[in-house]
Structures are given as structure tokens and as C-alpha cells.
């Protein structure tokens, strides 16, 4: 568990190629979950297979085109 709390971070107009299939990963602490994460127009690809997103203890919103599909709740 982390003593650092992440909140209010915005990723906007981000595009590119991921080095791994999991292109979006928010692995946050159960004690200090990530909150108010915003994904706006994010387009990340993986060359060999469809890119994925993984979220643990992360909450936020996505707007516009977000690829891979957002896992934020």
C-alpha cells in the first residue's frame, strides 16, 4: 500500500504506440485509491494485438475517443 494519493490527473489528446499490450494501467492502492482521473481523447495502440486497459482502485471519467476502452469507474 502506498502513502501517496493520486487525484485530479487529466490525460488529454494523447496518442501513440504502447510497448506492452496493456496500454493504460492504473494500479492504485486500496488504502489511497486514485480518484478523479480523466481520460480525454486518448488513442493508444499495440502493434501485435488489440490494446487493453487495467484499473485497480481507480475512479474517473473518459470523454471523446478513448482507445483502448477505459476501465475507470
C-alpha atoms as a PDB file:
ATOM      1  CA  UNK A   1       0.000   0.000   0.000  1.00  0.00           C
ATOM      2  CA  UNK A   2       1.133   3.480  -0.834  1.00  0.00           C
ATOM      3  CA  UNK A   3       1.136   6.577   1.317  1.00  0.00           C
ATOM      4  CA  UNK A   4       0.813   8.698  -1.831  1.00  0.00           C
ATOM      5  CA  UNK A   5      -2.669   9.700  -3.010  1.00  0.00           C
ATOM      6  CA  UNK A   6      -3.167  10.387  -6.736  1.00  0.00           C
ATOM      7  CA  UNK A   7      -6.161  12.537  -7.679  1.00  0.00           C
ATOM      8  CA  UNK A   8      -7.245  15.106 -10.227  1.00  0.00           C
ATOM      9  CA  UNK A   9      -4.942  13.979 -13.053  1.00  0.00           C
ATOM     10  CA  UNK A  10      -6.005  14.604 -16.674  1.00  0.00           C
ATOM     11  CA  UNK A  11      -4.626  12.834 -19.756  1.00  0.00           C
ATOM     12  CA  UNK A  12      -5.758  14.805 -22.810  1.00  0.00           C
ATOM     13  CA  UNK A  13      -5.024  14.369 -26.532  1.00  0.00           C
ATOM     14  CA  UNK A  14      -2.559  11.518 -26.015  1.00  0.00           C
ATOM     15  CA  UNK A  15      -1.757   9.150 -28.878  1.00  0.00           C
ATOM     16  CA  UNK A  16       0.913   6.626 -29.636  1.00  0.00           C
ATOM     17  CA  UNK A  17       2.016   3.003 -29.599  1.00  0.00           C
ATOM     18  CA  UNK A  18       2.371   1.066 -26.361  1.00  0.00           C
ATOM     19  CA  UNK A  19       5.366  -1.183 -25.701  1.00  0.00           C
ATOM     20  CA  UNK A  20       3.029  -3.656 -23.963  1.00  0.00           C
ATOM     21  CA  UNK A  21      -0.481  -4.903 -24.657  1.00  0.00           C
ATOM     22  CA  UNK A  22      -1.727  -3.150 -21.502  1.00  0.00           C
ATOM     23  CA  UNK A  23      -1.572   0.408 -22.802  1.00  0.00           C
ATOM     24  CA  UNK A  24      -3.485   2.028 -19.924  1.00  0.00           C
ATOM     25  CA  UNK A  25      -2.718   0.856 -16.386  1.00  0.00           C
ATOM     26  CA  UNK A  26      -3.841   2.425 -13.137  1.00  0.00           C
ATOM     27  CA  UNK A  27      -2.684   0.184 -10.284  1.00  0.00           C
ATOM     28  CA  UNK A  28      -3.618   2.191  -7.225  1.00  0.00           C
ATOM     29  CA  UNK A  29      -3.546   1.434  -3.521  1.00  0.00           C
ATOM     30  CA  UNK A  30      -6.623   0.161  -1.701  1.00  0.00           C
ATOM     31  CA  UNK A  31      -5.704   2.490   1.160  1.00  0.00           C
ATOM     32  CA  UNK A  32      -5.260   5.534  -1.098  1.00  0.00           C
ATOM     33  CA  UNK A  33      -7.213   4.859  -4.312  1.00  0.00           C
ATOM     34  CA  UNK A  34      -6.731   7.037  -7.385  1.00  0.00           C
ATOM     35  CA  UNK A  35      -9.625   9.473  -7.810  1.00  0.00           C
ATOM     36  CA  UNK A  36     -10.844  11.990 -10.374  1.00  0.00           C
ATOM     37  CA  UNK A  37      -8.678  10.580 -13.187  1.00  0.00           C
ATOM     38  CA  UNK A  38      -9.733  11.997 -16.570  1.00  0.00           C
ATOM     39  CA  UNK A  39      -9.043  10.475 -19.984  1.00  0.00           C
ATOM     40  CA  UNK A  40      -9.930  12.835 -22.851  1.00  0.00           C
ATOM     41  CA  UNK A  41      -9.209  11.764 -26.433  1.00  0.00           C
ATOM     42  CA  UNK A  42      -6.621   9.085 -25.694  1.00  0.00           C
ATOM     43  CA  UNK A  43      -5.622   6.733 -28.523  1.00  0.00           C
ATOM     44  CA  UNK A  44      -3.026   4.089 -27.686  1.00  0.00           C
ATOM     45  CA  UNK A  45      -2.374   1.043 -29.836  1.00  0.00           C
ATOM     46  CA  UNK A  46      -0.338  -2.130 -29.524  1.00  0.00           C
ATOM     47  CA  UNK A  47       1.086  -3.498 -32.777  1.00  0.00           C
ATOM     48  CA  UNK A  48       0.521  -7.224 -32.291  1.00  0.00           C
ATOM     49  CA  UNK A  49      -2.948  -7.404 -30.697  1.00  0.00           C
ATOM     50  CA  UNK A  50      -5.696  -5.076 -29.515  1.00  0.00           C
ATOM     51  CA  UNK A  51      -4.506  -2.876 -26.650  1.00  0.00           C
ATOM     52  CA  UNK A  52      -6.059  -3.286 -23.197  1.00  0.00           C
ATOM     53  CA  UNK A  53      -6.599  -1.213 -20.080  1.00  0.00           C
ATOM     54  CA  UNK A  54      -6.363  -2.384 -16.468  1.00  0.00           C
ATOM     55  CA  UNK A  55      -7.576  -0.491 -13.413  1.00  0.00           C
ATOM     56  CA  UNK A  56      -7.219  -1.362  -9.744  1.00  0.00           C
ATOM     57  CA  UNK A  57      -8.715   1.009  -7.179  1.00  0.00           C
ATOM     58  CA  UNK A  58      -9.032   3.801  -9.757  1.00  0.00           C
ATOM     59  CA  UNK A  59     -12.010   6.061 -10.378  1.00  0.00           C
ATOM     60  CA  UNK A  60     -12.611   8.691 -13.007  1.00  0.00           C
ATOM     61  CA  UNK A  61     -14.191   9.520 -16.335  1.00  0.00           C
ATOM     62  CA  UNK A  62     -13.414   9.235 -20.019  1.00  0.00           C
ATOM     63  CA  UNK A  63     -14.653  11.524 -22.773  1.00  0.00           C
ATOM     64  CA  UNK A  64     -14.282  11.558 -26.524  1.00  0.00           C
ATOM     65  CA  UNK A  65     -12.419   8.774 -28.304  1.00  0.00           C
ATOM     66  CA  UNK A  66     -10.574   6.595 -25.777  1.00  0.00           C
ATOM     67  CA  UNK A  67      -8.735   3.530 -27.093  1.00  0.00           C
ATOM     68  CA  UNK A  68      -8.351   1.054 -25.533  1.00  0.00           C
ATOM     69  CA  UNK A  69     -11.712   1.256 -23.810  1.00  0.00           C
ATOM     70  CA  UNK A  70     -11.381   2.918 -20.419  1.00  0.00           C
ATOM     71  CA  UNK A  71     -11.531   0.750 -17.313  1.00  0.00           C
ATOM     72  CA  UNK A  72     -12.148   3.689 -14.964  1.00  0.00           C
ATOM     73  CA  UNK A  73     -15.293   3.516 -12.840  1.00  0.00           C
END
